[in-house]
Amino acid sequence: MDRVINCTGPEGDCRKITSPLLANLLRDKLVRPDPLFLGLDSAKDGAVIDAAGAASDLLYTAGPSRKGTLWETVAVPEIRAQVSELAGVLLETVTYTHGRQLQQQDQDEYSAISG
């Protein structure tokens, strides 16, 4: 064999990605790599885990950056499910934070969309 070609997709180790946003989040210890260095460490709901091990209530992730936590997270069906669940989490957070009750019509519309 003369060559080996890595076909596993884009770099997942957030320490090696040259994104200024990601570099700043890491520097400020607002995110940390997952234990396998395949993406970002995240909670079950997609909240990123900071350097101290606390789940954020402001920063969330979905898709390939969750590979170290969920493993199967690069295809559209998995990403669609993650985003749908995350939309529910964010909707609950906004509703709770602002002390608003959604009208039944809005809840029914959201259920139909995420359904």
PDB file of N, CA and C in Angstrom:
ATOM      1  N   MET A   1       0.846  -1.151   0.000  1.00  0.00           N
ATOM      2  CA  MET A   1       0.000   0.000   0.000  1.00  0.00           C
ATOM      3  C   MET A   1       0.905   1.232   0.000  1.00  0.00           C
ATOM      4  N   ASP A   2       0.620   2.149  -0.931  1.00  0.00           N
ATOM      5  CA  ASP A   2       1.414   3.366  -1.037  1.00  0.00           C
ATOM      6  C   ASP A   2       0.790   4.543  -0.311  1.00  0.00           C
ATOM      7  N   ARG A   3      -0.536   4.537  -0.175  1.00  0.00           N
ATOM      8  CA  ARG A   3      -1.211   5.697   0.406  1.00  0.00           C
ATOM      9  C   ARG A   3      -2.410   5.272   1.243  1.00  0.00           C
ATOM     10  N   VAL A   4      -2.700   6.109   2.223  1.00  0.00           N
ATOM     11  CA  VAL A   4      -3.918   5.969   3.013  1.00  0.00           C
ATOM     12  C   VAL A   4      -4.606   7.326   2.958  1.00  0.00           C
ATOM     13  N   ILE A   5      -5.874   7.315   2.649  1.00  0.00           N
ATOM     14  CA  ILE A   5      -6.631   8.568   2.556  1.00  0.00           C
ATOM     15  C   ILE A   5      -7.687   8.577   3.643  1.00  0.00           C
ATOM     16  N   ASN A   6      -7.670   9.625   4.453  1.00  0.00           N
ATOM     17  CA  ASN A   6      -8.648   9.795   5.526  1.00  0.00           C
ATOM     18  C   ASN A   6      -9.922  10.376   4.924  1.00  0.00           C
ATOM     19  N   CYS A   7     -11.002   9.608   4.957  1.00  0.00           N
ATOM     20  CA  CYS A   7     -12.294  10.040   4.399  1.00  0.00           C
ATOM     21  C   CYS A   7     -13.337  10.208   5.498  1.00  0.00           C
ATOM     22  N   THR A   8     -12.917  10.580   6.678  1.00  0.00           N
ATOM     23  CA  THR A   8     -13.838  10.679   7.812  1.00  0.00           C
ATOM     24  C   THR A   8     -14.496  12.043   7.928  1.00  0.00           C
ATOM     25  N   GLY A   9     -14.274  12.924   6.970  1.00  0.00           N
ATOM     26  CA  GLY A   9     -14.918  14.234   7.003  1.00  0.00           C
ATOM     27  C   GLY A   9     -13.991  15.306   7.537  1.00  0.00           C
ATOM     28  N   PRO A  10     -14.548  16.487   7.772  1.00  0.00           N
ATOM     29  CA  PRO A  10     -13.723  17.613   8.215  1.00  0.00           C
ATOM     30  C   PRO A  10     -13.159  17.391   9.611  1.00  0.00           C
ATOM     31  N   GLU A  11     -12.144  18.157   9.926  1.00  0.00           N
ATOM     32  CA  GLU A  11     -11.499  18.083  11.242  1.00  0.00           C
ATOM     33  C   GLU A  11     -12.538  18.311  12.334  1.00  0.00           C
ATOM     34  N   GLY A  12     -12.557  17.457  13.329  1.00  0.00           N
ATOM     35  CA  GLY A  12     -13.507  17.592  14.423  1.00  0.00           C
ATOM     36  C   GLY A  12     -12.883  18.097  15.708  1.00  0.00           C
ATOM     37  N   ASP A  13     -11.559  17.963  15.820  1.00  0.00           N
ATOM     38  CA  ASP A  13     -10.873  18.396  17.037  1.00  0.00           C
ATOM     39  C   ASP A  13     -10.892  19.919  17.099  1.00  0.00           C
ATOM     40  N   CYS A  14     -11.704  20.456  18.009  1.00  0.00           N
ATOM     41  CA  CYS A  14     -11.887  21.908  18.075  1.00  0.00           C
ATOM     42  C   CYS A  14     -10.600  22.646  18.410  1.00  0.00           C
ATOM     43  N   ARG A  15      -9.604  21.966  18.920  1.00  0.00           N
ATOM     44  CA  ARG A  15      -8.323  22.614  19.219  1.00  0.00           C
ATOM     45  C   ARG A  15      -7.515  22.878  17.951  1.00  0.00           C
ATOM     46  N   LYS A  16      -7.864  22.197  16.864  1.00  0.00           N
ATOM     47  CA  LYS A  16      -7.110  22.328  15.613  1.00  0.00           C
ATOM     48  C   LYS A  16      -7.815  23.177  14.561  1.00  0.00           C
ATOM     49  N   ILE A  17      -9.062  23.536  14.799  1.00  0.00           N
ATOM     50  CA  ILE A  17      -9.829  24.317  13.824  1.00  0.00           C
ATOM     51  C   ILE A  17      -9.430  25.779  13.928  1.00  0.00           C
ATOM     52  N   THR A  18      -9.251  26.427  12.794  1.00  0.00           N
ATOM     53  CA  THR A  18      -8.747  27.802  12.772  1.00  0.00           C
ATOM     54  C   THR A  18      -9.868  28.840  12.684  1.00  0.00           C
ATOM     55  N   SER A  19     -10.906  28.646  13.447  1.00  0.00           N
ATOM     56  CA  SER A  19     -12.018  29.588  13.491  1.00  0.00           C
ATOM     57  C   SER A  19     -11.770  30.597  14.621  1.00  0.00           C
ATOM     58  N   PRO A  20     -11.788  31.893  14.319  1.00  0.00           N
ATOM     59  CA  PRO A  20     -11.610  32.884  15.392  1.00  0.00           C
ATOM     60  C   PRO A  20     -12.673  32.752  16.491  1.00  0.00           C
ATOM     61  N   LEU A  21     -13.914  32.465  16.108  1.00  0.00           N
ATOM     62  CA  LEU A  21     -14.975  32.306  17.106  1.00  0.00           C
ATOM     63  C   LEU A  21     -14.657  31.151  18.043  1.00  0.00           C
ATOM     64  N   LEU A  22     -14.326  30.011  17.485  1.00  0.00           N
ATOM     65  CA  LEU A  22     -14.019  28.841  18.300  1.00  0.00           C
ATOM     66  C   LEU A  22     -12.769  29.070  19.146  1.00  0.00           C
ATOM     67  N   ALA A  23     -11.761  29.701  18.569  1.00  0.00           N
ATOM     68  CA  ALA A  23     -10.532  30.004  19.318  1.00  0.00           C
ATOM     69  C   ALA A  23     -10.844  30.880  20.531  1.00  0.00           C
ATOM     70  N   ASN A  24     -11.700  31.885  20.349  1.00  0.00           N
ATOM     71  CA  ASN A  24     -12.058  32.772  21.457  1.00  0.00           C
ATOM     72  C   ASN A  24     -12.880  32.049  22.518  1.00  0.00           C
ATOM     73  N   LEU A  25     -13.817  31.208  22.090  1.00  0.00           N
ATOM     74  CA  LEU A  25     -14.610  30.442  23.051  1.00  0.00           C
ATOM     75  C   LEU A  25     -13.724  29.523  23.885  1.00  0.00           C
ATOM     76  N   LEU A  26     -12.755  28.890  23.248  1.00  0.00           N
ATOM     77  CA  LEU A  26     -11.814  28.031  23.972  1.00  0.00           C
ATOM     78  C   LEU A  26     -10.930  28.851  24.902  1.00  0.00           C
ATOM     79  N   ARG A  27     -10.402  29.960  24.399  1.00  0.00           N
ATOM     80  CA  ARG A  27      -9.521  30.817  25.207  1.00  0.00           C
ATOM     81  C   ARG A  27     -10.254  31.330  26.441  1.00  0.00           C
ATOM     82  N   ASP A  28     -11.514  31.721  26.259  1.00  0.00           N
ATOM     83  CA  ASP A  28     -12.305  32.256  27.366  1.00  0.00           C
ATOM     84  C   ASP A  28     -12.928  31.158  28.230  1.00  0.00           C
ATOM     85  N   LYS A  29     -12.618  29.904  27.899  1.00  0.00           N
ATOM     86  CA  LYS A  29     -13.058  28.720  28.648  1.00  0.00           C
ATOM     87  C   LYS A  29     -14.575  28.572  28.695  1.00  0.00           C
ATOM     88  N   LEU A  30     -15.235  29.048  27.634  1.00  0.00           N
ATOM     89  CA  LEU A  30     -16.683  28.915  27.534  1.00  0.00           C
ATOM     90  C   LEU A  30     -17.090  27.577  26.923  1.00  0.00           C
ATOM     91  N   VAL A  31     -16.158  26.912  26.259  1.00  0.00           N
ATOM     92  CA  VAL A  31     -16.374  25.575  25.701  1.00  0.00           C
ATOM     93  C   VAL A  31     -15.131  24.740  25.978  1.00  0.00           C
ATOM     94  N   ARG A  32     -15.291  23.440  25.835  1.00  0.00           N
ATOM     95  CA  ARG A  32     -14.142  22.535  25.937  1.00  0.00           C
ATOM     96  C   ARG A  32     -14.342  21.390  24.962  1.00  0.00           C
ATOM     97  N   PRO A  33     -13.251  20.742  24.564  1.00  0.00           N
ATOM     98  CA  PRO A  33     -13.388  19.585  23.673  1.00  0.00           C
ATOM     99  C   PRO A  33     -14.055  18.425  24.410  1.00  0.00           C
ATOM    100  N   ASP A  34     -14.709  17.557  23.648  1.00  0.00           N
ATOM    101  CA  ASP A  34     -15.244  16.353  24.269  1.00  0.00           C
ATOM    102  C   ASP A  34     -14.069  15.435  24.621  1.00  0.00           C
ATOM    103  N   PRO A  35     -14.277  14.437  25.453  1.00  0.00           N
ATOM    104  CA  PRO A  35     -13.163  13.579  25.893  1.00  0.00           C
ATOM    105  C   PRO A  35     -12.412  12.876  24.763  1.00  0.00           C
ATOM    106  N   LEU A  36     -13.060  12.649  23.615  1.00  0.00           N
ATOM    107  CA  LEU A  36     -12.408  11.960  22.503  1.00  0.00           C
ATOM    108  C   LEU A  36     -11.793  12.931  21.491  1.00  0.00           C
ATOM    109  N   PHE A  37     -11.961  14.232  21.718  1.00  0.00           N
ATOM    110  CA  PHE A  37     -11.469  15.281  20.810  1.00  0.00           C
ATOM    111  C   PHE A  37     -12.071  15.163  19.409  1.00  0.00           C
ATOM    112  N   LEU A  38     -13.364  14.800  19.365  1.00  0.00           N
ATOM    113  CA  LEU A  38     -14.062  14.700  18.086  1.00  0.00           C
ATOM    114  C   LEU A  38     -14.965  15.901  17.835  1.00  0.00           C
ATOM    115  N   GLY A  39     -15.111  16.754  18.825  1.00  0.00           N
ATOM    116  CA  GLY A  39     -15.973  17.927  18.723  1.00  0.00           C
ATOM    117  C   GLY A  39     -15.986  18.665  20.046  1.00  0.00           C
ATOM    118  N   LEU A  40     -17.118  19.297  20.335  1.00  0.00           N
ATOM    119  CA  LEU A  40     -17.287  20.023  21.593  1.00  0.00           C
ATOM    120  C   LEU A  40     -17.992  19.135  22.608  1.00  0.00           C
ATOM    121  N   ASP A  41     -17.627  19.302  23.866  1.00  0.00           N
ATOM    122  CA  ASP A  41     -18.334  18.596  24.922  1.00  0.00           C
ATOM    123  C   ASP A  41     -19.701  19.252  25.069  1.00  0.00           C
ATOM    124  N   SER A  42     -20.737  18.448  25.141  1.00  0.00           N
ATOM    125  CA  SER A  42     -22.079  19.013  25.236  1.00  0.00           C
ATOM    126  C   SER A  42     -22.971  18.143  26.110  1.00  0.00           C
ATOM    127  N   ALA A  43     -23.966  18.801  26.686  1.00  0.00           N
ATOM    128  CA  ALA A  43     -24.961  18.107  27.510  1.00  0.00           C
ATOM    129  C   ALA A  43     -25.976  17.425  26.608  1.00  0.00           C
ATOM    130  N   LYS A  44     -26.870  16.670  27.202  1.00  0.00           N
ATOM    131  CA  LYS A  44     -27.880  15.930  26.443  1.00  0.00           C
ATOM    132  C   LYS A  44     -28.735  16.848  25.568  1.00  0.00           C
ATOM    133  N   ASP A  45     -28.988  18.076  26.042  1.00  0.00           N
ATOM    134  CA  ASP A  45     -29.821  19.011  25.278  1.00  0.00           C
ATOM    135  C   ASP A  45     -29.034  19.847  24.281  1.00  0.00           C
ATOM    136  N   GLY A  46     -27.722  19.613  24.164  1.00  0.00           N
ATOM    137  CA  GLY A  46     -26.897  20.361  23.220  1.00  0.00           C
ATOM    138  C   GLY A  46     -26.185  21.546  23.828  1.00  0.00           C
ATOM    139  N   ALA A  47     -26.447  21.836  25.094  1.00  0.00           N
ATOM    140  CA  ALA A  47     -25.731  22.939  25.758  1.00  0.00           C
ATOM    141  C   ALA A  47     -24.244  22.587  25.806  1.00  0.00           C
ATOM    142  N   VAL A  48     -23.397  23.546  25.443  1.00  0.00           N
ATOM    143  CA  VAL A  48     -21.967  23.273  25.497  1.00  0.00           C
ATOM    144  C   VAL A  48     -21.514  23.252  26.951  1.00  0.00           C
ATOM    145  N   ILE A  49     -20.498  22.474  27.202  1.00  0.00           N
ATOM    146  CA  ILE A  49     -19.919  22.355  28.538  1.00  0.00           C
ATOM    147  C   ILE A  49     -18.676  23.227  28.587  1.00  0.00           C
ATOM    148  N   ASP A  50     -18.566  24.059  29.616  1.00  0.00           N
ATOM    149  CA  ASP A  50     -17.406  24.942  29.720  1.00  0.00           C
ATOM    150  C   ASP A  50     -16.220  24.209  30.348  1.00  0.00           C
ATOM    151  N   ALA A  51     -15.101  24.913  30.463  1.00  0.00           N
ATOM    152  CA  ALA A  51     -13.874  24.302  30.967  1.00  0.00           C
ATOM    153  C   ALA A  51     -14.016  23.782  32.393  1.00  0.00           C
ATOM    154  N   ALA A  52     -14.935  24.361  33.162  1.00  0.00           N
ATOM    155  CA  ALA A  52     -15.150  23.926  34.541  1.00  0.00           C
ATOM    156  C   ALA A  52     -16.141  22.767  34.637  1.00  0.00           C
ATOM    157  N   GLY A  53     -16.732  22.378  33.513  1.00  0.00           N
ATOM    158  CA  GLY A  53     -17.658  21.261  33.502  1.00  0.00           C
ATOM    159  C   GLY A  53     -19.116  21.632  33.659  1.00  0.00           C
ATOM    160  N   ALA A  54     -19.432  22.929  33.568  1.00  0.00           N
ATOM    161  CA  ALA A  54     -20.822  23.382  33.705  1.00  0.00           C
ATOM    162  C   ALA A  54     -21.464  23.542  32.333  1.00  0.00           C
ATOM    163  N   ALA A  55     -22.728  23.134  32.241  1.00  0.00           N
ATOM    164  CA  ALA A  55     -23.480  23.304  31.002  1.00  0.00           C
ATOM    165  C   ALA A  55     -23.918  24.760  30.875  1.00  0.00           C
ATOM    166  N   SER A  56     -23.746  25.313  29.690  1.00  0.00           N
ATOM    167  CA  SER A  56     -24.140  26.698  29.429  1.00  0.00           C
ATOM    168  C   SER A  56     -25.654  26.809  29.327  1.00  0.00           C
ATOM    169  N   ASP A  57     -26.169  27.976  29.697  1.00  0.00           N
ATOM    170  CA  ASP A  57     -27.581  28.236  29.458  1.00  0.00           C
ATOM    171  C   ASP A  57     -27.753  29.240  28.322  1.00  0.00           C
ATOM    172  N   LEU A  58     -26.632  29.531  27.634  1.00  0.00           N
ATOM    173  CA  LEU A  58     -26.656  30.468  26.506  1.00  0.00           C
ATOM    174  C   LEU A  58     -26.111  29.883  25.211  1.00  0.00           C
ATOM    175  N   LEU A  59     -25.147  28.981  25.306  1.00  0.00           N
ATOM    176  CA  LEU A  59     -24.485  28.436  24.125  1.00  0.00           C
ATOM    177  C   LEU A  59     -24.875  26.975  23.917  1.00  0.00           C
ATOM    178  N   TYR A  60     -25.336  26.683  22.707  1.00  0.00           N
ATOM    179  CA  TYR A  60     -25.747  25.325  22.340  1.00  0.00           C
ATOM    180  C   TYR A  60     -25.071  24.954  21.032  1.00  0.00           C
ATOM    181  N   THR A  61     -24.987  23.669  20.774  1.00  0.00           N
ATOM    182  CA  THR A  61     -24.409  23.195  19.527  1.00  0.00           C
ATOM    183  C   THR A  61     -25.258  22.047  18.982  1.00  0.00           C
ATOM    184  N   ALA A  62     -25.141  21.835  17.688  1.00  0.00           N
ATOM    185  CA  ALA A  62     -25.853  20.736  17.028  1.00  0.00           C
ATOM    186  C   ALA A  62     -25.015  20.290  15.839  1.00  0.00           C
ATOM    187  N   GLY A  63     -25.232  19.060  15.411  1.00  0.00           N
ATOM    188  CA  GLY A  63     -24.539  18.560  14.228  1.00  0.00           C
ATOM    189  C   GLY A  63     -23.191  17.944  14.536  1.00  0.00           C
ATOM    190  N   PRO A  64     -22.262  18.003  13.583  1.00  0.00           N
ATOM    191  CA  PRO A  64     -20.973  17.323  13.714  1.00  0.00           C
ATOM    192  C   PRO A  64     -20.156  17.708  14.951  1.00  0.00           C
ATOM    193  N   SER A  65     -20.366  18.898  15.488  1.00  0.00           N
ATOM    194  CA  SER A  65     -19.611  19.290  16.683  1.00  0.00           C
ATOM    195  C   SER A  65     -20.000  18.457  17.908  1.00  0.00           C
ATOM    196  N   ARG A  66     -21.077  17.676  17.812  1.00  0.00           N
ATOM    197  CA  ARG A  66     -21.503  16.800  18.917  1.00  0.00           C
ATOM    198  C   ARG A  66     -21.071  15.349  18.712  1.00  0.00           C
ATOM    199  N   LYS A  67     -20.224  15.104  17.736  1.00  0.00           N
ATOM    200  CA  LYS A  67     -19.837  13.735  17.391  1.00  0.00           C
ATOM    201  C   LYS A  67     -19.235  12.971  18.573  1.00  0.00           C
ATOM    202  N   GLY A  68     -18.441  13.603  19.385  1.00  0.00           N
ATOM    203  CA  GLY A  68     -17.823  12.924  20.528  1.00  0.00           C
ATOM    204  C   GLY A  68     -18.818  12.516  21.595  1.00  0.00           C
ATOM    205  N   THR A  69     -19.966  13.178  21.616  1.00  0.00           N
ATOM    206  CA  THR A  69     -21.004  12.876  22.592  1.00  0.00           C
ATOM    207  C   THR A  69     -22.050  11.927  22.031  1.00  0.00           C
ATOM    208  N   LEU A  70     -22.477  12.177  20.796  1.00  0.00           N
ATOM    209  CA  LEU A  70     -23.569  11.400  20.204  1.00  0.00           C
ATOM    210  C   LEU A  70     -23.111  10.378  19.177  1.00  0.00           C
ATOM    211  N   TRP A  71     -21.939  10.531  18.667  1.00  0.00           N
ATOM    212  CA  TRP A  71     -21.330   9.707  17.617  1.00  0.00           C
ATOM    213  C   TRP A  71     -22.074   9.832  16.293  1.00  0.00           C
ATOM    214  N   GLU A  72     -23.302   9.368  16.199  1.00  0.00           N
ATOM    215  CA  GLU A  72     -24.058   9.463  14.948  1.00  0.00           C
ATOM    216  C   GLU A  72     -24.687  10.850  14.859  1.00  0.00           C
ATOM    217  N   THR A  73     -23.983  11.778  14.227  1.00  0.00           N
ATOM    218  CA  THR A  73     -24.471  13.151  14.207  1.00  0.00           C
ATOM    219  C   THR A  73     -24.013  13.915  12.976  1.00  0.00           C
ATOM    220  N   VAL A  74     -23.802  13.203  11.879  1.00  0.00           N
ATOM    221  CA  VAL A  74     -23.333  13.881  10.673  1.00  0.00           C
ATOM    222  C   VAL A  74     -24.333  13.835   9.521  1.00  0.00           C
ATOM    223  N   ALA A  75     -25.350  13.016   9.629  1.00  0.00           N
ATOM    224  CA  ALA A  75     -26.334  12.906   8.551  1.00  0.00           C
ATOM    225  C   ALA A  75     -27.543  13.796   8.860  1.00  0.00           C
ATOM    226  N   VAL A  76     -28.237  14.175   7.811  1.00  0.00           N
ATOM    227  CA  VAL A  76     -29.376  15.085   7.948  1.00  0.00           C
ATOM    228  C   VAL A  76     -30.431  14.577   8.936  1.00  0.00           C
ATOM    229  N   PRO A  77     -30.816  13.301   8.929  1.00  0.00           N
ATOM    230  CA  PRO A  77     -31.846  12.873   9.891  1.00  0.00           C
ATOM    231  C   PRO A  77     -31.442  13.110  11.353  1.00  0.00           C
ATOM    232  N   GLU A  78     -30.201  12.815  11.696  1.00  0.00           N
ATOM    233  CA  GLU A  78     -29.747  13.020  13.073  1.00  0.00           C
ATOM    234  C   GLU A  78     -29.695  14.511  13.410  1.00  0.00           C
ATOM    235  N   ILE A  79     -29.191  15.303  12.478  1.00  0.00           N
ATOM    236  CA  ILE A  79     -29.087  16.747  12.725  1.00  0.00           C
ATOM    237  C   ILE A  79     -30.485  17.352  12.836  1.00  0.00           C
ATOM    238  N   ARG A  80     -31.399  16.919  11.987  1.00  0.00           N
ATOM    239  CA  ARG A  80     -32.780  17.418  12.032  1.00  0.00           C
ATOM    240  C   ARG A  80     -33.393  17.129  13.399  1.00  0.00           C
ATOM    241  N   ALA A  81     -33.192  15.937  13.926  1.00  0.00           N
ATOM    242  CA  ALA A  81     -33.735  15.582  15.238  1.00  0.00           C
ATOM    243  C   ALA A  81     -33.113  16.441  16.336  1.00  0.00           C
ATOM    244  N   GLN A  82     -31.793  16.658  16.260  1.00  0.00           N
ATOM    245  CA  GLN A  82     -31.125  17.497  17.254  1.00  0.00           C
ATOM    246  C   GLN A  82     -31.669  18.923  17.238  1.00  0.00           C
ATOM    247  N   VAL A  83     -31.825  19.475  16.051  1.00  0.00           N
ATOM    248  CA  VAL A  83     -32.298  20.855  15.930  1.00  0.00           C
ATOM    249  C   VAL A  83     -33.744  20.968  16.403  1.00  0.00           C
ATOM    250  N   SER A  84     -34.550  19.986  16.105  1.00  0.00           N
ATOM    251  CA  SER A  84     -35.933  19.988  16.573  1.00  0.00           C
ATOM    252  C   SER A  84     -35.989  19.963  18.104  1.00  0.00           C
ATOM    253  N   GLU A  85     -35.204  19.087  18.713  1.00  0.00           N
ATOM    254  CA  GLU A  85     -35.153  19.020  20.176  1.00  0.00           C
ATOM    255  C   GLU A  85     -34.610  20.319  20.765  1.00  0.00           C
ATOM    256  N   LEU A  86     -33.579  20.871  20.140  1.00  0.00           N
ATOM    257  CA  LEU A  86     -32.997  22.119  20.625  1.00  0.00           C
ATOM    258  C   LEU A  86     -34.001  23.264  20.518  1.00  0.00           C
ATOM    259  N   ALA A  87     -34.776  23.307  19.451  1.00  0.00           N
ATOM    260  CA  ALA A  87     -35.804  24.340  19.307  1.00  0.00           C
ATOM    261  C   ALA A  87     -36.791  24.261  20.473  1.00  0.00           C
ATOM    262  N   GLY A  88     -37.157  23.052  20.878  1.00  0.00           N
ATOM    263  CA  GLY A  88     -38.040  22.886  22.021  1.00  0.00           C
ATOM    264  C   GLY A  88     -37.418  23.403  23.310  1.00  0.00           C
ATOM    265  N   VAL A  89     -36.142  23.093  23.516  1.00  0.00           N
ATOM    266  CA  VAL A  89     -35.430  23.563  24.704  1.00  0.00           C
ATOM    267  C   VAL A  89     -35.387  25.090  24.717  1.00  0.00           C
ATOM    268  N   LEU A  90     -35.050  25.681  23.592  1.00  0.00           N
ATOM    269  CA  LEU A  90     -34.953  27.140  23.519  1.00  0.00           C
ATOM    270  C   LEU A  90     -36.311  27.798  23.716  1.00  0.00           C
ATOM    271  N   LEU A  91     -37.341  27.211  23.155  1.00  0.00           N
ATOM    272  CA  LEU A  91     -38.688  27.750  23.324  1.00  0.00           C
ATOM    273  C   LEU A  91     -39.100  27.710  24.793  1.00  0.00           C
ATOM    274  N   GLU A  92     -38.832  26.597  25.468  1.00  0.00           N
ATOM    275  CA  GLU A  92     -39.139  26.492  26.894  1.00  0.00           C
ATOM    276  C   GLU A  92     -38.346  27.517  27.698  1.00  0.00           C
ATOM    277  N   THR A  93     -37.077  27.699  27.354  1.00  0.00           N
ATOM    278  CA  THR A  93     -36.224  28.648  28.064  1.00  0.00           C
ATOM    279  C   THR A  93     -36.747  30.068  27.906  1.00  0.00           C
ATOM    280  N   VAL A  94     -37.073  30.444  26.683  1.00  0.00           N
ATOM    281  CA  VAL A  94     -37.578  31.794  26.435  1.00  0.00           C
ATOM    282  C   VAL A  94     -38.902  31.994  27.159  1.00  0.00           C
ATOM    283  N   THR A  95     -39.774  31.024  27.092  1.00  0.00           N
ATOM    284  CA  THR A  95     -41.075  31.120  27.742  1.00  0.00           C
ATOM    285  C   THR A  95     -40.906  31.268  29.247  1.00  0.00           C
ATOM    286  N   TYR A  96     -40.041  30.461  29.836  1.00  0.00           N
ATOM    287  CA  TYR A  96     -39.810  30.509  31.281  1.00  0.00           C
ATOM    288  C   TYR A  96     -39.142  31.814  31.680  1.00  0.00           C
ATOM    289  N   THR A  97     -38.086  32.182  30.967  1.00  0.00           N
ATOM    290  CA  THR A  97     -37.308  33.367  31.301  1.00  0.00           C
ATOM    291  C   THR A  97     -38.153  34.626  31.271  1.00  0.00           C
ATOM    292  N   HIS A  98     -38.991  34.756  30.308  1.00  0.00           N
ATOM    293  CA  HIS A  98     -39.797  35.965  30.155  1.00  0.00           C
ATOM    294  C   HIS A  98     -41.152  35.863  30.845  1.00  0.00           C
ATOM    295  N   GLY A  99     -41.420  34.731  31.482  1.00  0.00           N
ATOM    296  CA  GLY A  99     -42.645  34.572  32.242  1.00  0.00           C
ATOM    297  C   GLY A  99     -43.909  34.640  31.403  1.00  0.00           C
ATOM    298  N   ARG A 100     -43.808  34.257  30.156  1.00  0.00           N
ATOM    299  CA  ARG A 100     -44.964  34.307  29.261  1.00  0.00           C
ATOM    300  C   ARG A 100     -45.569  32.923  29.104  1.00  0.00           C
ATOM    301  N   GLN A 101     -46.839  32.893  29.009  1.00  0.00           N
ATOM    302  CA  GLN A 101     -47.534  31.648  28.701  1.00  0.00           C
ATOM    303  C   GLN A 101     -47.898  31.672  27.226  1.00  0.00           C
ATOM    304  N   LEU A 102     -47.556  30.612  26.515  1.00  0.00           N
ATOM    305  CA  LEU A 102     -47.925  30.534  25.112  1.00  0.00           C
ATOM    306  C   LEU A 102     -49.417  30.239  24.991  1.00  0.00           C
ATOM    307  N   GLN A 103     -50.024  30.816  24.011  1.00  0.00           N
ATOM    308  CA  GLN A 103     -51.420  30.505  23.743  1.00  0.00           C
ATOM    309  C   GLN A 103     -51.485  29.107  23.133  1.00  0.00           C
ATOM    310  N   GLN A 104     -52.580  28.449  23.316  1.00  0.00           N
ATOM    311  CA  GLN A 104     -52.754  27.086  22.814  1.00  0.00           C
ATOM    312  C   GLN A 104     -52.490  27.011  21.310  1.00  0.00           C
ATOM    313  N   GLN A 105     -52.891  28.039  20.581  1.00  0.00           N
ATOM    314  CA  GLN A 105     -52.672  28.050  19.131  1.00  0.00           C
ATOM    315  C   GLN A 105     -51.191  28.005  18.801  1.00  0.00           C
ATOM    316  N   ASP A 106     -50.372  28.785  19.498  1.00  0.00           N
ATOM    317  CA  ASP A 106     -48.928  28.781  19.252  1.00  0.00           C
ATOM    318  C   ASP A 106     -48.323  27.429  19.587  1.00  0.00           C
ATOM    319  N   GLN A 107     -48.776  26.813  20.667  1.00  0.00           N
ATOM    320  CA  GLN A 107     -48.267  25.493  21.043  1.00  0.00           C
ATOM    321  C   GLN A 107     -48.623  24.457  19.984  1.00  0.00           C
ATOM    322  N   ASP A 108     -49.863  24.525  19.475  1.00  0.00           N
ATOM    323  CA  ASP A 108     -50.280  23.590  18.444  1.00  0.00           C
ATOM    324  C   ASP A 108     -49.460  23.765  17.168  1.00  0.00           C
ATOM    325  N   GLU A 109     -49.162  25.015  16.783  1.00  0.00           N
ATOM    326  CA  GLU A 109     -48.347  25.276  15.600  1.00  0.00           C
ATOM    327  C   GLU A 109     -46.940  24.738  15.770  1.00  0.00           C
ATOM    328  N   TYR A 110     -46.348  24.937  16.962  1.00  0.00           N
ATOM    329  CA  TYR A 110     -45.009  24.435  17.226  1.00  0.00           C
ATOM    330  C   TYR A 110     -45.000  22.902  17.153  1.00  0.00           C
ATOM    331  N   SER A 111     -46.018  22.265  17.744  1.00  0.00           N
ATOM    332  CA  SER A 111     -46.100  20.797  17.723  1.00  0.00           C
ATOM    333  C   SER A 111     -46.201  20.280  16.292  1.00  0.00           C
ATOM    334  N   ALA A 112     -46.965  20.973  15.469  1.00  0.00           N
ATOM    335  CA  ALA A 112     -47.121  20.559  14.073  1.00  0.00           C
ATOM    336  C   ALA A 112     -45.807  20.670  13.319  1.00  0.00           C
ATOM    337  N   ILE A 113     -45.028  21.703  13.616  1.00  0.00           N
ATOM    338  CA  ILE A 113     -43.745  21.908  12.937  1.00  0.00           C
ATOM    339  C   ILE A 113     -42.720  20.887  13.388  1.00  0.00           C
ATOM    340  N   SER A 114     -42.623  20.646  14.699  1.00  0.00           N
ATOM    341  CA  SER A 114     -41.589  19.758  15.230  1.00  0.00           C
ATOM    342  C   SER A 114     -42.004  18.295  15.215  1.00  0.00           C
ATOM    343  N   GLY A 115     -43.234  18.053  14.930  1.00  0.00           N
ATOM    344  CA  GLY A 115     -43.867  16.814  14.994  1.00  0.00           C
ATOM    345  C   GLY A 115     -43.436  15.567  14.547  1.00  0.00           C
TER     346      GLY A 115
END
